[in-house]
Amino acid sequence: MENEIKHLVRIANTDLNGNKQVFIALSRIKGIGRKMAKIIATRVNIDPYALLGSLSDNDIDLLKKEVENFGKDPDIPSWLLNRRNDYYSGDDLHLIGTDLDLTIKDDINRLRKIRSYRGIRHEKGYKVRGQRTKSTGRTSTVVGVKKKRV
């Protein structure tokens, strides 16, 4: 019997397409980009360009463990992680999936609660990071030249 392709592979509570290459499929997990996915695959000695569905169950388990424990390894440089100097623990973390969503929400709520400038901008729905707002970021109103009535 030939090596069958698994069409769906579940890693980090995300269904991944088994017909895609490993690094492209892993990048569908929130918090993991293509570069990070290639690094994860090479760390467990899996070809990043192989099809995810054609991997053995043992290789998929290795990928799952590496994705879960990626931020905890001290060999990984801190600039590669997505949550450096965490507000509560002070550690460098790499969050994925729903953990990433929840911590971002918590951070925004903390900024709103302490009434910081950024928190107030988040509340009002304005741009937060210093972008221009005179001509962009407008909602619900049409910007343009009105036609002159004849």
Protein backbone atom coordinates (compact mmCIF):
# COMPACT_ATOMS: atom_id res chain seq x y z
CA MET A 1 0.00 0.00 0.00
CA GLU A 2 1.34 3.41 -0.99
CA ASN A 3 1.95 6.22 1.44
CA GLU A 4 -1.46 7.86 1.79
CA ILE A 5 -1.73 11.62 2.17
CA LYS A 6 -3.62 12.92 5.20
CA HIS A 7 -5.73 15.80 3.94
CA LEU A 8 -6.12 17.41 7.37
CA VAL A 9 -3.45 17.56 10.06
CA ARG A 10 -4.23 19.10 13.44
CA ILE A 11 -1.39 21.01 15.10
CA ALA A 12 -1.84 23.59 17.89
CA ASN A 13 -5.67 23.45 17.71
CA THR A 14 -5.57 24.40 14.02
CA ASP A 15 -6.57 22.24 11.07
CA LEU A 16 -3.79 22.40 8.49
CA ASN A 17 -4.02 21.42 4.84
CA GLY A 18 -2.05 18.21 4.24
CA ASN A 19 -1.68 18.96 0.52
CA LYS A 20 0.56 21.98 1.22
CA GLN A 21 4.28 22.09 1.94
CA VAL A 22 5.22 21.89 5.61
CA PHE A 23 6.36 25.49 6.01
CA ILE A 24 3.34 26.92 4.19
CA ALA A 25 0.91 24.76 6.17
CA LEU A 26 2.55 25.67 9.50
CA SER A 27 2.30 29.37 8.66
CA ARG A 28 -1.50 29.04 8.87
CA ILE A 29 -1.12 28.83 12.66
CA LYS A 30 -1.56 32.28 14.19
CA GLY A 31 1.79 33.47 15.51
CA ILE A 32 3.92 31.44 13.09
CA GLY A 33 5.12 32.96 9.84
CA ARG A 34 6.91 31.32 6.94
CA LYS A 35 10.41 31.97 8.26
CA MET A 36 9.47 30.66 11.69
CA ALA A 37 7.85 27.58 10.11
CA LYS A 38 11.03 26.80 8.16
CA ILE A 39 13.09 27.10 11.35
CA ILE A 40 10.70 24.78 13.21
CA ALA A 41 10.82 22.17 10.44
CA THR A 42 14.61 22.19 10.17
CA ARG A 43 15.00 21.94 13.97
CA VAL A 44 13.23 18.55 13.91
CA ASN A 45 15.05 17.40 10.73
CA ILE A 46 12.02 17.56 8.44
CA ASP A 47 12.24 18.93 4.91
CA PRO A 48 10.21 22.18 4.91
CA TYR A 49 9.28 21.60 1.26
CA ALA A 50 7.79 18.13 1.78
CA LEU A 51 4.02 17.75 1.79
CA LEU A 52 2.62 17.88 5.33
CA GLY A 53 0.13 15.08 4.68
CA SER A 54 2.83 12.68 3.47
CA LEU A 55 4.77 12.83 6.75
CA SER A 56 4.65 9.91 9.15
CA ASP A 57 2.74 10.13 12.42
CA ASN A 58 6.04 10.23 14.30
CA ASP A 59 7.21 13.27 12.29
CA ILE A 60 3.89 15.05 12.87
CA ASP A 61 4.21 14.41 16.63
CA LEU A 62 7.73 15.90 16.53
CA LEU A 63 6.33 18.98 14.76
CA LYS A 64 3.56 19.31 17.37
CA LYS A 65 6.03 19.17 20.26
CA GLU A 66 8.37 21.68 18.60
CA VAL A 67 5.53 24.13 17.90
CA GLU A 68 4.32 23.90 21.51
CA ASN A 69 7.79 24.28 23.06
CA PHE A 70 9.37 26.70 20.58
CA GLY A 71 9.52 29.77 22.82
CA LYS A 72 10.82 27.85 25.82
CA ASP A 73 14.12 26.78 24.24
CA PRO A 74 17.05 28.95 25.41
CA ASP A 75 18.95 28.37 22.13
CA ILE A 76 16.45 30.54 20.21
CA PRO A 77 17.44 34.22 20.04
CA SER A 78 15.03 36.62 21.71
CA TRP A 79 14.58 38.74 18.56
CA LEU A 80 12.83 35.78 16.92
CA LEU A 81 10.10 35.61 19.58
CA ASN A 82 6.84 37.55 19.34
CA ARG A 83 6.47 38.54 23.02
CA ARG A 84 9.69 39.82 24.50
CA ASN A 85 9.86 41.02 28.10
CA ASP A 86 6.32 39.96 29.00
CA TYR A 87 4.52 42.53 31.17
CA TYR A 88 3.60 40.10 33.93
CA SER A 89 6.48 37.60 34.02
CA GLY A 90 9.31 39.57 32.39
CA ASP A 91 10.28 36.52 30.31
CA ASP A 92 10.70 36.23 26.55
CA LEU A 93 7.80 34.17 25.18
CA HIS A 94 6.49 33.02 21.83
CA LEU A 95 2.70 32.78 21.81
CA ILE A 96 0.55 31.04 19.22
CA GLY A 97 -3.14 30.65 18.50
CA THR A 98 -5.70 31.75 21.05
CA ASP A 99 -3.02 32.58 23.63
CA LEU A 100 -1.78 35.32 21.31
CA ASP A 101 -5.29 36.71 20.81
CA LEU A 102 -6.03 36.74 24.53
CA THR A 103 -2.79 38.45 25.54
CA ILE A 104 -3.26 41.17 22.91
CA LYS A 105 -6.80 41.78 24.23
CA ASP A 106 -5.49 41.87 27.80
CA ASP A 107 -2.79 44.37 26.83
CA ILE A 108 -5.29 46.67 25.14
CA ASN A 109 -7.67 46.44 28.10
CA ARG A 110 -4.80 47.26 30.48
CA LEU A 111 -3.95 50.35 28.40
CA ARG A 112 -7.61 51.43 28.44
CA LYS A 113 -7.89 50.85 32.17
CA ILE A 114 -4.88 53.01 33.05
CA ARG A 115 -6.17 55.66 30.63
CA SER A 116 -2.95 55.90 28.65
CA TYR A 117 -2.84 57.80 25.37
CA ARG A 118 -2.70 54.57 23.39
CA GLY A 119 -5.62 53.11 25.37
CA ILE A 120 -7.78 56.15 24.68
CA ARG A 121 -6.93 55.95 20.95
CA HIS A 122 -7.93 52.25 21.00
CA GLU A 123 -11.23 53.13 22.69
CA LYS A 124 -12.11 55.80 20.16
CA GLY A 125 -11.08 53.65 17.20
CA TYR A 126 -8.39 56.07 16.02
CA LYS A 127 -4.97 55.16 14.67
CA VAL A 128 -2.65 54.32 17.54
CA ARG A 129 0.88 54.28 16.17
CA GLY A 130 1.34 57.83 14.95
CA GLN A 131 -0.08 57.47 11.47
CA ARG A 132 -1.61 60.44 9.69
CA THR A 133 -5.33 60.89 10.17
CA LYS A 134 -6.06 64.06 8.23
CA SER A 135 -6.81 62.33 4.96
CA THR A 136 -6.71 58.58 5.70
CA GLY A 137 -8.49 56.29 8.12
CA ARG A 138 -11.85 57.96 7.60
CA THR A 139 -14.92 55.83 7.97
CA SER A 140 -18.50 56.13 6.74
CA THR A 141 -18.05 59.44 4.92
CA VAL A 142 -17.17 59.73 1.27
CA VAL A 143 -14.12 61.85 0.61
CA GLY A 144 -13.93 63.55 -2.75
CA VAL A 145 -15.01 66.45 -4.89
CA LYS A 146 -18.72 67.20 -5.13
CA LYS A 147 -20.20 67.81 -8.54
CA LYS A 148 -21.44 71.30 -9.11
CA ARG A 149 -25.16 71.53 -9.80
CA VAL A 150 -26.09 73.06 -13.11
